[in-house]
PDB file of N, CA and C in Angstrom:
ATOM      1  N   MET A   1      90.223  58.702  96.485  1.00  0.00           N
ATOM      2  CA  MET A   1      89.432  59.572  95.633  1.00  0.00           C
ATOM      3  C   MET A   1      89.778  61.022  95.966  1.00  0.00           C
ATOM      4  N   HIS A   2      90.146  61.771  94.969  1.00  0.00           N
ATOM      5  CA  HIS A   2      90.523  63.173  95.150  1.00  0.00           C
ATOM      6  C   HIS A   2      89.377  64.070  94.671  1.00  0.00           C
ATOM      7  N   ILE A   3      88.839  64.845  95.590  1.00  0.00           N
ATOM      8  CA  ILE A   3      87.757  65.773  95.254  1.00  0.00           C
ATOM      9  C   ILE A   3      88.334  67.177  95.239  1.00  0.00           C
ATOM     10  N   PRO A   4      88.246  67.870  94.101  1.00  0.00           N
ATOM     11  CA  PRO A   4      88.809  69.229  94.044  1.00  0.00           C
ATOM     12  C   PRO A   4      88.049  70.178  94.967  1.00  0.00           C
ATOM     13  N   GLU A   5      88.801  71.052  95.594  1.00  0.00           N
ATOM     14  CA  GLU A   5      88.210  72.034  96.504  1.00  0.00           C
ATOM     15  C   GLU A   5      87.484  73.090  95.696  1.00  0.00           C
ATOM     16  N   GLN A   6      86.247  73.364  96.064  1.00  0.00           N
ATOM     17  CA  GLN A   6      85.476  74.398  95.387  1.00  0.00           C
ATOM     18  C   GLN A   6      85.482  75.651  96.242  1.00  0.00           C
ATOM     19  N   ARG A   7      85.766  76.744  95.616  1.00  0.00           N
ATOM     20  CA  ARG A   7      85.812  78.009  96.341  1.00  0.00           C
ATOM     21  C   ARG A   7      84.527  78.781  96.083  1.00  0.00           C
ATOM     22  N   TYR A   8      83.994  79.364  97.138  1.00  0.00           N
ATOM     23  CA  TYR A   8      82.804  80.195  97.024  1.00  0.00           C
ATOM     24  C   TYR A   8      83.203  81.528  96.405  1.00  0.00           C
ATOM     25  N   ARG A   9      82.539  81.923  95.386  1.00  0.00           N
ATOM     26  CA  ARG A   9      82.802  83.201  94.739  1.00  0.00           C
ATOM     27  C   ARG A   9      81.779  84.227  95.214  1.00  0.00           C
ATOM     28  N   CYS A  10      82.262  85.205  95.916  1.00  0.00           N
ATOM     29  CA  CYS A  10      81.404  86.255  96.446  1.00  0.00           C
ATOM     30  C   CYS A  10      80.954  87.160  95.304  1.00  0.00           C
ATOM     31  N   PRO A  11      79.681  87.503  95.220  1.00  0.00           N
ATOM     32  CA  PRO A  11      79.212  88.390  94.159  1.00  0.00           C
ATOM     33  C   PRO A  11      79.799  89.799  94.257  1.00  0.00           C
ATOM     34  N   LEU A  12      80.296  90.192  95.431  1.00  0.00           N
ATOM     35  CA  LEU A  12      80.889  91.521  95.570  1.00  0.00           C
ATOM     36  C   LEU A  12      82.338  91.560  95.074  1.00  0.00           C
ATOM     37  N   GLY A  13      82.904  90.407  94.779  1.00  0.00           N
ATOM     38  CA  GLY A  13      84.293  90.349  94.351  1.00  0.00           C
ATOM     39  C   GLY A  13      84.578  91.150  93.099  1.00  0.00           C
ATOM     40  N   ARG A  14      83.611  91.268  92.230  1.00  0.00           N
ATOM     41  CA  ARG A  14      83.845  92.016  90.981  1.00  0.00           C
ATOM     42  C   ARG A  14      84.040  93.512  91.230  1.00  0.00           C
ATOM     43  N   PHE A  15      83.633  93.999  92.404  1.00  0.00           N
ATOM     44  CA  PHE A  15      83.779  95.410  92.716  1.00  0.00           C
ATOM     45  C   PHE A  15      85.127  95.735  93.364  1.00  0.00           C
ATOM     46  N   GLN A  16      85.896  94.720  93.701  1.00  0.00           N
ATOM     47  CA  GLN A  16      87.202  94.922  94.322  1.00  0.00           C
ATOM     48  C   GLN A  16      88.226  95.288  93.264  1.00  0.00           C
ATOM     49  N   PRO A  17      89.110  96.236  93.559  1.00  0.00           N
ATOM     50  CA  PRO A  17      90.162  96.563  92.590  1.00  0.00           C
ATOM     51  C   PRO A  17      91.112  95.386  92.449  1.00  0.00           C
ATOM     52  N   LYS A  18      91.660  95.221  91.266  1.00  0.00           N
ATOM     53  CA  LYS A  18      92.546  94.086  91.005  1.00  0.00           C
ATOM     54  C   LYS A  18      93.859  94.220  91.765  1.00  0.00           C
ATOM     55  N   THR A  19      94.583  95.286  91.525  1.00  0.00           N
ATOM     56  CA  THR A  19      95.839  95.529  92.239  1.00  0.00           C
ATOM     57  C   THR A  19      95.956  97.011  92.538  1.00  0.00           C
ATOM     58  N   THR A  20      96.708  97.322  93.557  1.00  0.00           N
ATOM     59  CA  THR A  20      96.932  98.711  93.926  1.00  0.00           C
ATOM     60  C   THR A  20      98.422  98.963  93.946  1.00  0.00           C
ATOM     61  N   ASP A  21      98.863  99.936  93.182  1.00  0.00           N
ATOM     62  CA  ASP A  21     100.267 100.325  93.189  1.00  0.00           C
ATOM     63  C   ASP A  21     100.441 101.341  94.320  1.00  0.00           C
ATOM     64  N   LEU A  22     101.058 100.916  95.400  1.00  0.00           N
ATOM     65  CA  LEU A  22     101.179 101.771  96.576  1.00  0.00           C
ATOM     66  C   LEU A  22     102.019 103.009  96.315  1.00  0.00           C
ATOM     67  N   GLU A  23     102.996 102.912  95.448  1.00  0.00           N
ATOM     68  CA  GLU A  23     103.807 104.094  95.127  1.00  0.00           C
ATOM     69  C   GLU A  23     102.955 105.174  94.464  1.00  0.00           C
ATOM     70  N   VAL A  24     102.008 104.774  93.643  1.00  0.00           N
ATOM     71  CA  VAL A  24     101.105 105.741  93.005  1.00  0.00           C
ATOM     72  C   VAL A  24     100.211 106.392  94.063  1.00  0.00           C
ATOM     73  N   VAL A  25      99.713 105.604  95.004  1.00  0.00           N
ATOM     74  CA  VAL A  25      98.870 106.141  96.074  1.00  0.00           C
ATOM     75  C   VAL A  25      99.665 107.136  96.912  1.00  0.00           C
ATOM     76  N   LYS A  26     100.913 106.802  97.245  1.00  0.00           N
ATOM     77  CA  LYS A  26     101.760 107.713  98.025  1.00  0.00           C
ATOM     78  C   LYS A  26     102.031 109.002  97.255  1.00  0.00           C
ATOM     79  N   ARG A  27     102.301 108.868  95.961  1.00  0.00           N
ATOM     80  CA  ARG A  27     102.586 110.054  95.131  1.00  0.00           C
ATOM     81  C   ARG A  27     101.378 110.979  95.087  1.00  0.00           C
ATOM     82  N   ILE A  28     100.202 110.413  94.882  1.00  0.00           N
ATOM     83  CA  ILE A  28      98.975 111.217  94.834  1.00  0.00           C
ATOM     84  C   ILE A  28      98.719 111.869  96.191  1.00  0.00           C
ATOM     85  N   GLY A  29      98.935 111.121  97.276  1.00  0.00           N
ATOM     86  CA  GLY A  29      98.751 111.680  98.612  1.00  0.00           C
ATOM     87  C   GLY A  29      99.650 112.870  98.865  1.00  0.00           C
ATOM     88  N   TRP A  30     100.892 112.797  98.389  1.00  0.00           N
ATOM     89  CA  TRP A  30     101.815 113.913  98.568  1.00  0.00           C
ATOM     90  C   TRP A  30     101.414 115.094  97.692  1.00  0.00           C
ATOM     91  N   GLN A  31     101.113 114.824  96.426  1.00  0.00           N
ATOM     92  CA  GLN A  31     100.817 115.905  95.483  1.00  0.00           C
ATOM     93  C   GLN A  31      99.506 116.620  95.814  1.00  0.00           C
ATOM     94  N   GLN A  32      98.526 115.894  96.294  1.00  0.00           N
ATOM     95  CA  GLN A  32      97.220 116.513  96.545  1.00  0.00           C
ATOM     96  C   GLN A  32      97.063 117.023  97.972  1.00  0.00           C
ATOM     97  N   ASP A  33      97.565 116.272  98.950  1.00  0.00           N
ATOM     98  CA  ASP A  33      97.292 116.596 100.347  1.00  0.00           C
ATOM     99  C   ASP A  33      98.531 116.857 101.188  1.00  0.00           C
ATOM    100  N   HIS A  34      99.706 116.780 100.572  1.00  0.00           N
ATOM    101  CA  HIS A  34     100.976 116.947 101.286  1.00  0.00           C
ATOM    102  C   HIS A  34     101.111 115.960 102.445  1.00  0.00           C
ATOM    103  N   ILE A  35     100.679 114.721 102.203  1.00  0.00           N
ATOM    104  CA  ILE A  35     100.862 113.628 103.158  1.00  0.00           C
ATOM    105  C   ILE A  35     102.026 112.795 102.658  1.00  0.00           C
ATOM    106  N   LEU A  36     103.035 112.651 103.493  1.00  0.00           N
ATOM    107  CA  LEU A  36     104.234 111.907 103.108  1.00  0.00           C
ATOM    108  C   LEU A  36     104.262 110.576 103.845  1.00  0.00           C
ATOM    109  N   VAL A  37     104.380 109.509 103.091  1.00  0.00           N
ATOM    110  CA  VAL A  37     104.505 108.163 103.653  1.00  0.00           C
ATOM    111  C   VAL A  37     105.845 107.622 103.175  1.00  0.00           C
ATOM    112  N   VAL A  38     106.733 107.382 104.125  1.00  0.00           N
ATOM    113  CA  VAL A  38     108.064 106.889 103.759  1.00  0.00           C
ATOM    114  C   VAL A  38     108.511 105.858 104.784  1.00  0.00           C
ATOM    115  N   LYS A  39     109.083 104.783 104.300  1.00  0.00           N
ATOM    116  CA  LYS A  39     109.609 103.740 105.173  1.00  0.00           C
ATOM    117  C   LYS A  39     111.017 104.127 105.602  1.00  0.00           C
ATOM    118  N   GLU A  40     111.302 103.909 106.870  1.00  0.00           N
ATOM    119  CA  GLU A  40     112.591 104.314 107.435  1.00  0.00           C
ATOM    120  C   GLU A  40     113.774 103.724 106.670  1.00  0.00           C
ATOM    121  N   ASP A  41     113.663 102.507 106.204  1.00  0.00           N
ATOM    122  CA  ASP A  41     114.788 101.878 105.515  1.00  0.00           C
ATOM    123  C   ASP A  41     114.594 101.813 103.994  1.00  0.00           C
ATOM    124  N   ASP A  42     113.902 102.809 103.433  1.00  0.00           N
ATOM    125  CA  ASP A  42     113.713 102.886 101.984  1.00  0.00           C
ATOM    126  C   ASP A  42     115.083 102.983 101.312  1.00  0.00           C
ATOM    127  N   GLU A  43     115.328 102.108 100.355  1.00  0.00           N
ATOM    128  CA  GLU A  43     116.641 102.044  99.709  1.00  0.00           C
ATOM    129  C   GLU A  43     116.963 103.285  98.870  1.00  0.00           C
ATOM    130  N   ARG A  44     115.968 104.091  98.572  1.00  0.00           N
ATOM    131  CA  ARG A  44     116.218 105.318  97.804  1.00  0.00           C
ATOM    132  C   ARG A  44     116.785 106.448  98.653  1.00  0.00           C
ATOM    133  N   LEU A  45     116.768 106.285  99.986  1.00  0.00           N
ATOM    134  CA  LEU A  45     117.274 107.313 100.890  1.00  0.00           C
ATOM    135  C   LEU A  45     118.713 107.008 101.288  1.00  0.00           C
ATOM    136  N   ASP A  46     119.493 108.069 101.498  1.00  0.00           N
ATOM    137  CA  ASP A  46     120.845 107.856 102.015  1.00  0.00           C
ATOM    138  C   ASP A  46     120.784 107.815 103.547  1.00  0.00           C
ATOM    139  N   PHE A  47     121.932 107.617 104.174  1.00  0.00           N
ATOM    140  CA  PHE A  47     121.984 107.434 105.625  1.00  0.00           C
ATOM    141  C   PHE A  47     121.396 108.632 106.372  1.00  0.00           C
ATOM    142  N   VAL A  48     121.751 109.836 105.953  1.00  0.00           N
ATOM    143  CA  VAL A  48     121.276 111.044 106.649  1.00  0.00           C
ATOM    144  C   VAL A  48     119.760 111.170 106.529  1.00  0.00           C
ATOM    145  N   GLU A  49     119.221 110.922 105.349  1.00  0.00           N
ATOM    146  CA  GLU A  49     117.776 111.012 105.163  1.00  0.00           C
ATOM    147  C   GLU A  49     117.045 109.960 105.994  1.00  0.00           C
ATOM    148  N   LYS A  50     117.587 108.752 106.065  1.00  0.00           N
ATOM    149  CA  LYS A  50     116.983 107.698 106.886  1.00  0.00           C
ATOM    150  C   LYS A  50     116.976 108.094 108.362  1.00  0.00           C
ATOM    151  N   GLU A  51     118.068 108.697 108.805  1.00  0.00           N
ATOM    152  CA  GLU A  51     118.161 109.131 110.203  1.00  0.00           C
ATOM    153  C   GLU A  51     117.147 110.234 110.501  1.00  0.00           C
ATOM    154  N   ILE A  52     116.965 111.149 109.559  1.00  0.00           N
ATOM    155  CA  ILE A  52     115.977 112.222 109.730  1.00  0.00           C
ATOM    156  C   ILE A  52     114.573 111.633 109.840  1.00  0.00           C
ATOM    157  N   VAL A  53     114.243 110.684 108.964  1.00  0.00           N
ATOM    158  CA  VAL A  53     112.928 110.037 108.997  1.00  0.00           C
ATOM    159  C   VAL A  53     112.731 109.329 110.335  1.00  0.00           C
ATOM    160  N   ARG A  54     113.752 108.610 110.801  1.00  0.00           N
ATOM    161  CA  ARG A  54     113.657 107.888 112.070  1.00  0.00           C
ATOM    162  C   ARG A  54     113.415 108.853 113.225  1.00  0.00           C
ATOM    163  N   ARG A  55     114.143 109.951 113.250  1.00  0.00           N
ATOM    164  CA  ARG A  55     113.998 110.919 114.343  1.00  0.00           C
ATOM    165  C   ARG A  55     112.634 111.598 114.330  1.00  0.00           C
ATOM    166  N   ILE A  56     112.148 111.937 113.153  1.00  0.00           N
ATOM    167  CA  ILE A  56     110.821 112.548 113.057  1.00  0.00           C
ATOM    168  C   ILE A  56     109.764 111.560 113.555  1.00  0.00           C
ATOM    169  N   GLY A  57     109.866 110.302 113.120  1.00  0.00           N
ATOM    170  CA  GLY A  57     108.911 109.284 113.551  1.00  0.00           C
ATOM    171  C   GLY A  57     108.928 109.085 115.056  1.00  0.00           C
ATOM    172  N   GLU A  58     110.117 109.029 115.643  1.00  0.00           N
ATOM    173  CA  GLU A  58     110.215 108.836 117.089  1.00  0.00           C
ATOM    174  C   GLU A  58     109.699 110.057 117.845  1.00  0.00           C
ATOM    175  N   ARG A  59     109.946 111.227 117.306  1.00  0.00           N
ATOM    176  CA  ARG A  59     109.471 112.444 117.973  1.00  0.00           C
ATOM    177  C   ARG A  59     107.945 112.519 117.963  1.00  0.00           C
ATOM    178  N   LEU A  60     107.345 112.185 116.811  1.00  0.00           N
ATOM    179  CA  LEU A  60     105.893 112.294 116.691  1.00  0.00           C
ATOM    180  C   LEU A  60     105.146 111.124 117.324  1.00  0.00           C
ATOM    181  N   TYR A  61     105.711 109.925 117.208  1.00  0.00           N
ATOM    182  CA  TYR A  61     104.962 108.730 117.588  1.00  0.00           C
ATOM    183  C   TYR A  61     105.643 107.865 118.651  1.00  0.00           C
ATOM    184  N   GLY A  62     106.808 108.253 119.105  1.00  0.00           N
ATOM    185  CA  GLY A  62     107.529 107.464 120.108  1.00  0.00           C
ATOM    186  C   GLY A  62     108.377 106.389 119.466  1.00  0.00           C
ATOM    187  N   GLY A  63     109.156 105.708 120.297  1.00  0.00           N
ATOM    188  CA  GLY A  63     110.042 104.661 119.810  1.00  0.00           C
ATOM    189  C   GLY A  63     109.292 103.385 119.475  1.00  0.00           C
ATOM    190  N   LYS A  64     110.046 102.392 119.008  1.00  0.00           N
ATOM    191  CA  LYS A  64     109.458 101.102 118.665  1.00  0.00           C
ATOM    192  C   LYS A  64     109.013 100.387 119.926  1.00  0.00           C
ATOM    193  N   ARG A  65     107.887  99.716 119.838  1.00  0.00           N
ATOM    194  CA  ARG A  65     107.370  98.927 120.954  1.00  0.00           C
ATOM    195  C   ARG A  65     107.717  97.470 120.725  1.00  0.00           C
ATOM    196  N   HIS A  66     108.148  96.813 121.758  1.00  0.00           N
ATOM    197  CA  HIS A  66     108.441  95.392 121.689  1.00  0.00           C
ATOM    198  C   HIS A  66     107.472  94.668 122.607  1.00  0.00           C
ATOM    199  N   GLY A  67     106.779  93.678 122.043  1.00  0.00           N
ATOM    200  CA  GLY A  67     105.874  92.870 122.868  1.00  0.00           C
ATOM    201  C   GLY A  67     104.467  93.202 122.761  1.00  0.00           C
TER     202      GLY A  67
END
């Protein structure tokens, strides 16, 4: 006998946003507050720009931690 799984629907779920476009959030953050969020290996950056981002990140926050 197969009983379908019933999921509890939280009444607060309707207040949650459906999807968030992170690129839009980053763009607004830069335009309004001059906060830049960039991934070191973003494919839109060339080698020199990626290296600059990596060096800035390491200078401000230290190197990568393992473990």
